[in-house]
């Protein structure tokens, strides 16, 4: 973590690239450098636009750590052909993560296949493909980070809704191969959260801590309902204390899906992001 970041209180702050969606990868890298943010979480589509080798070089040359790569997953595909395609895409994502210099590949596991109501079967499909990916990830020094999503996304994005479910999926594998994401937006509501974060810490499974706030009213597209830290209903001091007490000392990655924020000039978004980090997340 950069000395500059430590000096200005931003030693653990990372910009997840989706937060400044309108920026290309070179623009996001430059924005982080100019703002004193020491790390960036990359998205595969932006990396593909720029090129894998060039993306890795841009981050290295700028002195930016790559906190994660988003995303792999969507493991609930039905039928042999779709299953093979999902497996191949995730194997490629693992290798991309390694090339980019991050040890964390975020997995959004996928929702129900089209027309299906078989939730049990979809969850079994996730477990099956995870078994085929874990060793490959470990061979490349990459950890698969299972991200539970809020239950409202169960049908279309993630049949894993709680940290407990994610930890159960990870349990058969070494912690260096499979971990979990603690994303404030998706887990803050869970009454079992304190004990499950503590469990994740004991098992060495916390691979990423992502933050944004739960704001109301929800938009028509619920995916875009996330706000800046401090704008909504999440108690970030308590949540961050739980994650810290569990032994997590890694990046705090700000990941916001919000059309109004995407329409805001990136420099202003980073200014707000930094102010909120210092107010709500940085160590007092």
C-alpha atoms as a PDB file:
ATOM      1  CA  UNK A   1       0.000   0.000   0.000  1.00  0.00           C
ATOM      2  CA  UNK A   2       1.512   3.272  -1.106  1.00  0.00           C
ATOM      3  CA  UNK A   3       3.272   5.699   1.214  1.00  0.00           C
ATOM      4  CA  UNK A   4       1.271   8.542  -0.295  1.00  0.00           C
ATOM      5  CA  UNK A   5      -1.962   6.745   0.542  1.00  0.00           C
ATOM      6  CA  UNK A   6      -0.819   6.164   4.098  1.00  0.00           C
ATOM      7  CA  UNK A   7       0.144   9.796   4.516  1.00  0.00           C
ATOM      8  CA  UNK A   8      -3.248  11.140   3.510  1.00  0.00           C
ATOM      9  CA  UNK A   9      -5.378   8.594   5.386  1.00  0.00           C
ATOM     10  CA  UNK A  10      -6.225   6.590   2.273  1.00  0.00           C
ATOM     11  CA  UNK A  11      -3.875   3.665   2.813  1.00  0.00           C
ATOM     12  CA  UNK A  12      -6.617   1.028   2.399  1.00  0.00           C
ATOM     13  CA  UNK A  13      -8.907   2.791  -0.077  1.00  0.00           C
ATOM     14  CA  UNK A  14      -9.589   1.250  -3.473  1.00  0.00           C
ATOM     15  CA  UNK A  15     -11.769   2.522  -6.294  1.00  0.00           C
ATOM     16  CA  UNK A  16     -13.865  -0.235  -7.827  1.00  0.00           C
ATOM     17  CA  UNK A  17     -13.923   0.766 -11.467  1.00  0.00           C
ATOM     18  CA  UNK A  18     -17.705   0.503 -11.843  1.00  0.00           C
ATOM     19  CA  UNK A  19     -18.070   3.536  -9.559  1.00  0.00           C
ATOM     20  CA  UNK A  20     -16.707   5.731 -12.364  1.00  0.00           C
ATOM     21  CA  UNK A  21     -18.299   3.717 -15.137  1.00  0.00           C
ATOM     22  CA  UNK A  22     -17.901   6.441 -17.772  1.00  0.00           C
ATOM     23  CA  UNK A  23     -14.126   6.390 -17.485  1.00  0.00           C
ATOM     24  CA  UNK A  24     -11.932   4.113 -19.562  1.00  0.00           C
ATOM     25  CA  UNK A  25      -9.315   2.149 -17.693  1.00  0.00           C
ATOM     26  CA  UNK A  26      -6.548   4.670 -18.505  1.00  0.00           C
ATOM     27  CA  UNK A  27      -8.803   7.480 -17.269  1.00  0.00           C
ATOM     28  CA  UNK A  28      -9.593   5.612 -14.063  1.00  0.00           C
ATOM     29  CA  UNK A  29      -5.916   4.908 -13.433  1.00  0.00           C
ATOM     30  CA  UNK A  30      -5.084   8.574 -13.934  1.00  0.00           C
ATOM     31  CA  UNK A  31      -7.966   9.609 -11.691  1.00  0.00           C
ATOM     32  CA  UNK A  32      -6.721   7.401  -8.873  1.00  0.00           C
ATOM     33  CA  UNK A  33      -3.172   8.680  -9.175  1.00  0.00           C
ATOM     34  CA  UNK A  34      -4.286  12.313  -9.196  1.00  0.00           C
ATOM     35  CA  UNK A  35      -6.566  11.774  -6.176  1.00  0.00           C
ATOM     36  CA  UNK A  36      -4.019   9.797  -4.147  1.00  0.00           C
ATOM     37  CA  UNK A  37      -6.044   6.579  -4.160  1.00  0.00           C
ATOM     38  CA  UNK A  38      -3.562   3.684  -3.997  1.00  0.00           C
ATOM     39  CA  UNK A  39      -5.604   0.813  -5.479  1.00  0.00           C
ATOM     40  CA  UNK A  40      -8.188  -0.016  -8.109  1.00  0.00           C
ATOM     41  CA  UNK A  41     -10.623  -2.888  -8.583  1.00  0.00           C
ATOM     42  CA  UNK A  42     -10.842  -3.700 -12.291  1.00  0.00           C
ATOM     43  CA  UNK A  43     -13.737  -4.919 -14.443  1.00  0.00           C
ATOM     44  CA  UNK A  44     -13.168  -7.411 -17.211  1.00  0.00           C
ATOM     45  CA  UNK A  45     -15.034  -5.451 -19.881  1.00  0.00           C
ATOM     46  CA  UNK A  46     -12.877  -2.372 -19.273  1.00  0.00           C
ATOM     47  CA  UNK A  47      -9.743  -4.515 -19.293  1.00  0.00           C
ATOM     48  CA  UNK A  48     -10.830  -6.050 -22.596  1.00  0.00           C
ATOM     49  CA  UNK A  49     -11.347  -2.598 -24.130  1.00  0.00           C
ATOM     50  CA  UNK A  50      -7.811  -1.584 -23.196  1.00  0.00           C
ATOM     51  CA  UNK A  51      -6.145  -4.972 -23.668  1.00  0.00           C
ATOM     52  CA  UNK A  52      -4.968  -7.293 -20.916  1.00  0.00           C
ATOM     53  CA  UNK A  53      -1.227  -6.668 -21.196  1.00  0.00           C
ATOM     54  CA  UNK A  54      -1.659  -2.901 -21.514  1.00  0.00           C
ATOM     55  CA  UNK A  55      -4.051  -2.816 -18.558  1.00  0.00           C
ATOM     56  CA  UNK A  56      -1.571  -4.640 -16.363  1.00  0.00           C
ATOM     57  CA  UNK A  57       1.232  -2.316 -17.441  1.00  0.00           C
ATOM     58  CA  UNK A  58      -0.848   0.826 -16.859  1.00  0.00           C
ATOM     59  CA  UNK A  59      -1.529  -0.180 -13.267  1.00  0.00           C
ATOM     60  CA  UNK A  60       2.047  -1.257 -12.603  1.00  0.00           C
ATOM     61  CA  UNK A  61       3.556   1.883 -14.099  1.00  0.00           C
ATOM     62  CA  UNK A  62       1.167   4.051 -12.089  1.00  0.00           C
ATOM     63  CA  UNK A  63       2.076   2.258  -8.861  1.00  0.00           C
ATOM     64  CA  UNK A  64      -1.523   1.161  -8.323  1.00  0.00           C
ATOM     65  CA  UNK A  65      -2.361  -2.097  -6.607  1.00  0.00           C
ATOM     66  CA  UNK A  66      -5.155  -4.102  -8.236  1.00  0.00           C
ATOM     67  CA  UNK A  67      -7.463  -4.970  -5.356  1.00  0.00           C
ATOM     68  CA  UNK A  68      -9.726  -7.328  -7.313  1.00  0.00           C
ATOM     69  CA  UNK A  69     -11.022  -8.336 -10.703  1.00  0.00           C
ATOM     70  CA  UNK A  70     -14.778  -8.298 -11.328  1.00  0.00           C
ATOM     71  CA  UNK A  71     -16.051 -10.671 -12.237  1.00  0.00           C
ATOM     72  CA  UNK A  72     -16.240 -14.390 -12.670  1.00  0.00           C
ATOM     73  CA  UNK A  73     -19.132 -16.606 -11.749  1.00  0.00           C
ATOM     74  CA  UNK A  74     -22.536 -17.167 -13.355  1.00  0.00           C
ATOM     75  CA  UNK A  75     -22.086 -20.839 -12.605  1.00  0.00           C
ATOM     76  CA  UNK A  76     -25.759 -21.840 -12.706  1.00  0.00           C
ATOM     77  CA  UNK A  77     -25.872 -22.441 -16.452  1.00  0.00           C
ATOM     78  CA  UNK A  78     -28.056 -25.373 -17.457  1.00  0.00           C
ATOM     79  CA  UNK A  79     -27.105 -27.917 -20.101  1.00  0.00           C
ATOM     80  CA  UNK A  80     -23.653 -29.273 -21.015  1.00  0.00           C
ATOM     81  CA  UNK A  81     -22.828 -26.604 -23.602  1.00  0.00           C
ATOM     82  CA  UNK A  82     -23.646 -23.654 -21.337  1.00  0.00           C
ATOM     83  CA  UNK A  83     -21.847 -25.332 -18.477  1.00  0.00           C
ATOM     84  CA  UNK A  84     -18.696 -25.780 -20.581  1.00  0.00           C
ATOM     85  CA  UNK A  85     -18.887 -22.130 -21.652  1.00  0.00           C
ATOM     86  CA  UNK A  86     -19.209 -20.963 -18.041  1.00  0.00           C
ATOM     87  CA  UNK A  87     -16.267 -23.107 -17.006  1.00  0.00           C
ATOM     88  CA  UNK A  88     -14.095 -21.806 -19.845  1.00  0.00           C
ATOM     89  CA  UNK A  89     -14.970 -18.182 -19.097  1.00  0.00           C
ATOM     90  CA  UNK A  90     -14.061 -18.577 -15.441  1.00  0.00           C
ATOM     91  CA  UNK A  91     -10.801 -20.341 -16.207  1.00  0.00           C
ATOM     92  CA  UNK A  92      -9.941 -17.410 -18.454  1.00  0.00           C
ATOM     93  CA  UNK A  93     -10.928 -14.913 -15.744  1.00  0.00           C
ATOM     94  CA  UNK A  94      -8.570 -16.615 -13.283  1.00  0.00           C
ATOM     95  CA  UNK A  95      -5.689 -16.232 -15.710  1.00  0.00           C
ATOM     96  CA  UNK A  96      -6.627 -12.602 -16.387  1.00  0.00           C
ATOM     97  CA  UNK A  97      -6.575 -11.873 -12.655  1.00  0.00           C
ATOM     98  CA  UNK A  98      -3.111 -13.367 -12.337  1.00  0.00           C
ATOM     99  CA  UNK A  99      -1.830 -11.335 -15.286  1.00  0.00           C
ATOM    100  CA  UNK A 100      -3.268  -8.150 -13.762  1.00  0.00           C
ATOM    101  CA  UNK A 101      -1.489  -8.814 -10.490  1.00  0.00           C
ATOM    102  CA  UNK A 102      -4.482  -9.364  -8.225  1.00  0.00           C
ATOM    103  CA  UNK A 103      -5.073 -12.379  -6.022  1.00  0.00           C
ATOM    104  CA  UNK A 104      -8.858 -11.831  -5.862  1.00  0.00           C
ATOM    105  CA  UNK A 105     -11.405 -12.810  -8.504  1.00  0.00           C
ATOM    106  CA  UNK A 106     -14.915 -11.839  -7.423  1.00  0.00           C
ATOM    107  CA  UNK A 107     -17.568 -14.456  -8.200  1.00  0.00           C
ATOM    108  CA  UNK A 108     -21.215 -13.478  -8.676  1.00  0.00           C
ATOM    109  CA  UNK A 109     -22.550 -17.007  -8.819  1.00  0.00           C
ATOM    110  CA  UNK A 110     -25.579 -16.516 -11.077  1.00  0.00           C
ATOM    111  CA  UNK A 111     -29.353 -16.707 -10.696  1.00  0.00           C
ATOM    112  CA  UNK A 112     -31.897 -19.254 -11.803  1.00  0.00           C
ATOM    113  CA  UNK A 113     -31.580 -20.486 -15.386  1.00  0.00           C
ATOM    114  CA  UNK A 114     -34.275 -19.104 -17.691  1.00  0.00           C
ATOM    115  CA  UNK A 115     -37.630 -20.653 -16.913  1.00  0.00           C
ATOM    116  CA  UNK A 116     -36.355 -22.578 -13.902  1.00  0.00           C
ATOM    117  CA  UNK A 117     -37.721 -22.640 -10.365  1.00  0.00           C
ATOM    118  CA  UNK A 118     -35.152 -25.183  -9.172  1.00  0.00           C
ATOM    119  CA  UNK A 119     -33.255 -23.174  -6.580  1.00  0.00           C
ATOM    120  CA  UNK A 120     -31.739 -26.280  -5.005  1.00  0.00           C
ATOM    121  CA  UNK A 121     -30.470 -27.441  -8.376  1.00  0.00           C
ATOM    122  CA  UNK A 122     -28.989 -24.029  -9.190  1.00  0.00           C
ATOM    123  CA  UNK A 123     -27.082 -23.977  -5.931  1.00  0.00           C
ATOM    124  CA  UNK A 124     -25.810 -27.488  -6.600  1.00  0.00           C
ATOM    125  CA  UNK A 125     -24.559 -26.345 -10.006  1.00  0.00           C
ATOM    126  CA  UNK A 126     -22.552 -23.586  -8.318  1.00  0.00           C
ATOM    127  CA  UNK A 127     -20.918 -26.116  -5.997  1.00  0.00           C
ATOM    128  CA  UNK A 128     -20.128 -28.446  -8.907  1.00  0.00           C
ATOM    129  CA  UNK A 129     -18.370 -25.819 -11.027  1.00  0.00           C
ATOM    130  CA  UNK A 130     -16.579 -24.373  -8.017  1.00  0.00           C
ATOM    131  CA  UNK A 131     -14.999 -27.788  -7.531  1.00  0.00           C
ATOM    132  CA  UNK A 132     -13.587 -27.571 -11.056  1.00  0.00           C
ATOM    133  CA  UNK A 133     -12.238 -24.053 -10.597  1.00  0.00           C
ATOM    134  CA  UNK A 134     -10.669 -24.021  -7.150  1.00  0.00           C
ATOM    135  CA  UNK A 135      -7.465 -25.905  -7.901  1.00  0.00           C
ATOM    136  CA  UNK A 136      -6.871 -23.948 -11.109  1.00  0.00           C
ATOM    137  CA  UNK A 137      -7.249 -20.711  -9.162  1.00  0.00           C
ATOM    138  CA  UNK A 138      -4.787 -21.861  -6.540  1.00  0.00           C
ATOM    139  CA  UNK A 139      -2.277 -22.812  -9.218  1.00  0.00           C
ATOM    140  CA  UNK A 140      -2.348 -19.202 -10.451  1.00  0.00           C
ATOM    141  CA  UNK A 141      -2.197 -17.632  -7.005  1.00  0.00           C
ATOM    142  CA  UNK A 142      -5.754 -16.355  -7.307  1.00  0.00           C
ATOM    143  CA  UNK A 143      -8.511 -16.728  -4.745  1.00  0.00           C
ATOM    144  CA  UNK A 144     -12.117 -17.152  -5.860  1.00  0.00           C
ATOM    145  CA  UNK A 145     -14.107 -14.677  -3.782  1.00  0.00           C
ATOM    146  CA  UNK A 146     -17.753 -15.740  -3.537  1.00  0.00           C
ATOM    147  CA  UNK A 147     -19.987 -12.692  -3.213  1.00  0.00           C
ATOM    148  CA  UNK A 148     -23.392 -13.244  -1.617  1.00  0.00           C
ATOM    149  CA  UNK A 149     -25.951 -10.821  -3.039  1.00  0.00           C
ATOM    150  CA  UNK A 150     -29.032  -9.388  -1.382  1.00  0.00           C
ATOM    151  CA  UNK A 151     -31.976 -11.831  -1.663  1.00  0.00           C
ATOM    152  CA  UNK A 152     -33.808  -9.566  -4.115  1.00  0.00           C
ATOM    153  CA  UNK A 153     -31.215 -10.647  -6.685  1.00  0.00           C
ATOM    154  CA  UNK A 154     -31.665 -14.378  -6.074  1.00  0.00           C
ATOM    155  CA  UNK A 155     -33.656 -15.041  -9.253  1.00  0.00           C
ATOM    156  CA  UNK A 156     -31.422 -13.259 -11.735  1.00  0.00           C
ATOM    157  CA  UNK A 157     -27.951 -12.727 -10.278  1.00  0.00           C
ATOM    158  CA  UNK A 158     -26.992 -14.826  -7.280  1.00  0.00           C
ATOM    159  CA  UNK A 159     -28.602 -17.859  -5.685  1.00  0.00           C
ATOM    160  CA  UNK A 160     -26.168 -17.317  -2.805  1.00  0.00           C
ATOM    161  CA  UNK A 161     -27.741 -14.682  -0.547  1.00  0.00           C
ATOM    162  CA  UNK A 162     -25.969 -14.880   2.808  1.00  0.00           C
ATOM    163  CA  UNK A 163     -22.447 -14.913   4.080  1.00  0.00           C
ATOM    164  CA  UNK A 164     -23.188 -18.259   5.740  1.00  0.00           C
ATOM    165  CA  UNK A 165     -24.106 -19.813   2.381  1.00  0.00           C
ATOM    166  CA  UNK A 166     -20.938 -18.435   0.801  1.00  0.00           C
ATOM    167  CA  UNK A 167     -18.790 -19.773   3.634  1.00  0.00           C
ATOM    168  CA  UNK A 168     -20.412 -23.194   3.372  1.00  0.00           C
ATOM    169  CA  UNK A 169     -19.562 -23.287  -0.337  1.00  0.00           C
ATOM    170  CA  UNK A 170     -15.984 -22.261   0.388  1.00  0.00           C
ATOM    171  CA  UNK A 171     -15.489 -24.726   3.258  1.00  0.00           C
ATOM    172  CA  UNK A 172     -14.245 -27.750   1.245  1.00  0.00           C
ATOM    173  CA  UNK A 173     -11.312 -25.765  -0.172  1.00  0.00           C
ATOM    174  CA  UNK A 174      -8.175 -24.179   1.254  1.00  0.00           C
ATOM    175  CA  UNK A 175      -8.726 -20.537   2.205  1.00  0.00           C
ATOM    176  CA  UNK A 176      -6.049 -19.510  -0.292  1.00  0.00           C
ATOM    177  CA  UNK A 177      -8.224 -20.937  -3.091  1.00  0.00           C
ATOM    178  CA  UNK A 178     -11.748 -19.864  -2.101  1.00  0.00           C
ATOM    179  CA  UNK A 179     -12.864 -16.958   0.069  1.00  0.00           C
ATOM    180  CA  UNK A 180     -15.807 -14.592   0.385  1.00  0.00           C
ATOM    181  CA  UNK A 181     -16.666 -10.967  -0.261  1.00  0.00           C
ATOM    182  CA  UNK A 182     -18.215  -8.880   2.490  1.00  0.00           C
ATOM    183  CA  UNK A 183     -20.199  -6.296   0.507  1.00  0.00           C
ATOM    184  CA  UNK A 184     -22.027  -3.830   2.735  1.00  0.00           C
ATOM    185  CA  UNK A 185     -24.945  -3.409   0.334  1.00  0.00           C
ATOM    186  CA  UNK A 186     -25.690  -7.095   0.202  1.00  0.00           C
ATOM    187  CA  UNK A 187     -25.115  -8.245   3.783  1.00  0.00           C
ATOM    188  CA  UNK A 188     -25.952  -5.353   6.122  1.00  0.00           C
ATOM    189  CA  UNK A 189     -29.510  -6.588   6.767  1.00  0.00           C
ATOM    190  CA  UNK A 190     -28.515 -10.096   7.916  1.00  0.00           C
ATOM    191  CA  UNK A 191     -29.215 -10.745  11.637  1.00  0.00           C
ATOM    192  CA  UNK A 192     -26.529 -13.447  11.627  1.00  0.00           C
ATOM    193  CA  UNK A 193     -23.908 -11.095  10.194  1.00  0.00           C
ATOM    194  CA  UNK A 194     -21.742 -10.587  13.320  1.00  0.00           C
ATOM    195  CA  UNK A 195     -21.271 -14.306  13.897  1.00  0.00           C
ATOM    196  CA  UNK A 196     -20.714 -15.016  10.200  1.00  0.00           C
ATOM    197  CA  UNK A 197     -18.085 -12.287   9.817  1.00  0.00           C
ATOM    198  CA  UNK A 198     -16.355 -13.692  12.893  1.00  0.00           C
ATOM    199  CA  UNK A 199     -16.544 -17.164  11.338  1.00  0.00           C
ATOM    200  CA  UNK A 200     -15.090 -15.842   8.069  1.00  0.00           C
ATOM    201  CA  UNK A 201     -12.222 -14.353  10.046  1.00  0.00           C
ATOM    202  CA  UNK A 202     -11.517 -17.567  11.947  1.00  0.00           C
ATOM    203  CA  UNK A 203     -11.468 -19.479   8.676  1.00  0.00           C
ATOM    204  CA  UNK A 204      -9.278 -16.881   6.935  1.00  0.00           C
ATOM    205  CA  UNK A 205     -11.885 -16.421   4.212  1.00  0.00           C
ATOM    206  CA  UNK A 206     -12.413 -12.647   3.896  1.00  0.00           C
ATOM    207  CA  UNK A 207     -10.985 -11.862   0.473  1.00  0.00           C
ATOM    208  CA  UNK A 208     -12.580  -8.459  -0.095  1.00  0.00           C
ATOM    209  CA  UNK A 209     -14.514  -5.766   1.749  1.00  0.00           C
ATOM    210  CA  UNK A 210     -16.670  -3.730  -0.641  1.00  0.00           C
ATOM    211  CA  UNK A 211     -18.708  -0.731   0.426  1.00  0.00           C
ATOM    212  CA  UNK A 212     -21.574   1.473  -0.694  1.00  0.00           C
ATOM    213  CA  UNK A 213     -24.777   2.527   1.042  1.00  0.00           C
ATOM    214  CA  UNK A 214     -28.396   1.360   0.965  1.00  0.00           C
ATOM    215  CA  UNK A 215     -30.468   4.337  -0.126  1.00  0.00           C
ATOM    216  CA  UNK A 216     -34.213   4.776  -0.589  1.00  0.00           C
ATOM    217  CA  UNK A 217     -36.358   4.851  -2.570  1.00  0.00           C
ATOM    218  CA  UNK A 218     -35.075   2.002  -4.692  1.00  0.00           C
ATOM    219  CA  UNK A 219     -35.032   2.859  -8.407  1.00  0.00           C
ATOM    220  CA  UNK A 220     -36.984   0.881 -10.998  1.00  0.00           C
ATOM    221  CA  UNK A 221     -33.756  -0.993 -11.721  1.00  0.00           C
ATOM    222  CA  UNK A 222     -32.877  -2.127  -8.202  1.00  0.00           C
ATOM    223  CA  UNK A 223     -29.311  -2.854  -9.294  1.00  0.00           C
ATOM    224  CA  UNK A 224     -28.712   0.903  -9.485  1.00  0.00           C
ATOM    225  CA  UNK A 225     -29.911   1.694  -5.967  1.00  0.00           C
ATOM    226  CA  UNK A 226     -26.528   2.059  -4.285  1.00  0.00           C
ATOM    227  CA  UNK A 227     -25.327   5.344  -2.834  1.00  0.00           C
ATOM    228  CA  UNK A 228     -22.184   6.914  -1.481  1.00  0.00           C
ATOM    229  CA  UNK A 229     -21.138   5.757   1.973  1.00  0.00           C
ATOM    230  CA  UNK A 230     -23.021   7.881   4.487  1.00  0.00           C
ATOM    231  CA  UNK A 231     -26.003   8.648   2.255  1.00  0.00           C
ATOM    232  CA  UNK A 232     -28.201   5.782   3.460  1.00  0.00           C
ATOM    233  CA  UNK A 233     -29.017   3.346   6.219  1.00  0.00           C
ATOM    234  CA  UNK A 234     -25.891   1.247   6.839  1.00  0.00           C
ATOM    235  CA  UNK A 235     -23.907   1.586  10.071  1.00  0.00           C
ATOM    236  CA  UNK A 236     -20.439   1.545   8.547  1.00  0.00           C
ATOM    237  CA  UNK A 237     -18.508   2.057  11.751  1.00  0.00           C
ATOM    238  CA  UNK A 238     -20.025  -1.064  13.313  1.00  0.00           C
ATOM    239  CA  UNK A 239     -19.655  -3.096  10.109  1.00  0.00           C
ATOM    240  CA  UNK A 240     -16.057  -2.034   9.603  1.00  0.00           C
ATOM    241  CA  UNK A 241     -15.270  -2.812  13.240  1.00  0.00           C
ATOM    242  CA  UNK A 242     -16.668  -6.333  12.748  1.00  0.00           C
ATOM    243  CA  UNK A 243     -14.547  -6.896   9.647  1.00  0.00           C
ATOM    244  CA  UNK A 244     -11.461  -5.495  11.364  1.00  0.00           C
ATOM    245  CA  UNK A 245     -12.022  -7.607  14.475  1.00  0.00           C
ATOM    246  CA  UNK A 246     -12.192 -10.645  12.186  1.00  0.00           C
ATOM    247  CA  UNK A 247      -8.615  -9.913  11.164  1.00  0.00           C
ATOM    248  CA  UNK A 248      -9.173  -8.346   7.743  1.00  0.00           C
ATOM    249  CA  UNK A 249      -6.493  -5.777   6.943  1.00  0.00           C
ATOM    250  CA  UNK A 250      -6.948  -5.538   3.173  1.00  0.00           C
ATOM    251  CA  UNK A 251      -8.441  -3.041   0.792  1.00  0.00           C
ATOM    252  CA  UNK A 252     -11.719  -1.225   1.376  1.00  0.00           C
ATOM    253  CA  UNK A 253     -13.142  -1.110  -2.134  1.00  0.00           C
ATOM    254  CA  UNK A 254     -15.876   1.373  -3.016  1.00  0.00           C
ATOM    255  CA  UNK A 255     -18.283  -0.162  -5.537  1.00  0.00           C
ATOM    256  CA  UNK A 256     -21.321   1.927  -6.496  1.00  0.00           C
ATOM    257  CA  UNK A 257     -23.978   1.219  -9.125  1.00  0.00           C
ATOM    258  CA  UNK A 258     -25.967   4.430  -9.492  1.00  0.00           C
ATOM    259  CA  UNK A 259     -26.890   6.272 -12.677  1.00  0.00           C
ATOM    260  CA  UNK A 260     -26.744   9.716 -11.095  1.00  0.00           C
ATOM    261  CA  UNK A 261     -23.260   9.014  -9.759  1.00  0.00           C
ATOM    262  CA  UNK A 262     -22.211   7.582 -13.115  1.00  0.00           C
ATOM    263  CA  UNK A 263     -23.397  10.826 -14.737  1.00  0.00           C
ATOM    264  CA  UNK A 264     -21.279  12.912 -12.336  1.00  0.00           C
ATOM    265  CA  UNK A 265     -17.773  13.900 -13.461  1.00  0.00           C
ATOM    266  CA  UNK A 266     -15.358  11.289 -12.197  1.00  0.00           C
ATOM    267  CA  UNK A 267     -13.150  13.778 -10.374  1.00  0.00           C
ATOM    268  CA  UNK A 268     -16.120  14.934  -8.278  1.00  0.00           C
ATOM    269  CA  UNK A 269     -17.099  11.342  -7.528  1.00  0.00           C
ATOM    270  CA  UNK A 270     -13.593  10.599  -6.265  1.00  0.00           C
ATOM    271  CA  UNK A 271     -13.646  13.721  -4.128  1.00  0.00           C
ATOM    272  CA  UNK A 272     -16.858  12.554  -2.454  1.00  0.00           C
ATOM    273  CA  UNK A 273     -15.590   8.991  -2.165  1.00  0.00           C
ATOM    274  CA  UNK A 274     -12.454  10.154  -0.345  1.00  0.00           C
ATOM    275  CA  UNK A 275     -14.351  12.440   2.025  1.00  0.00           C
ATOM    276  CA  UNK A 276     -16.742   9.639   2.952  1.00  0.00           C
ATOM    277  CA  UNK A 277     -13.904   7.180   3.424  1.00  0.00           C
ATOM    278  CA  UNK A 278     -12.148   9.505   5.843  1.00  0.00           C
ATOM    279  CA  UNK A 279     -15.404  10.215   7.702  1.00  0.00           C
ATOM    280  CA  UNK A 280     -16.942   6.752   7.921  1.00  0.00           C
ATOM    281  CA  UNK A 281     -14.335   4.098   7.200  1.00  0.00           C
ATOM    282  CA  UNK A 282     -10.773   5.121   7.954  1.00  0.00           C
ATOM    283  CA  UNK A 283      -9.340   4.281  11.352  1.00  0.00           C
ATOM    284  CA  UNK A 284     -10.000   7.121  13.817  1.00  0.00           C
END
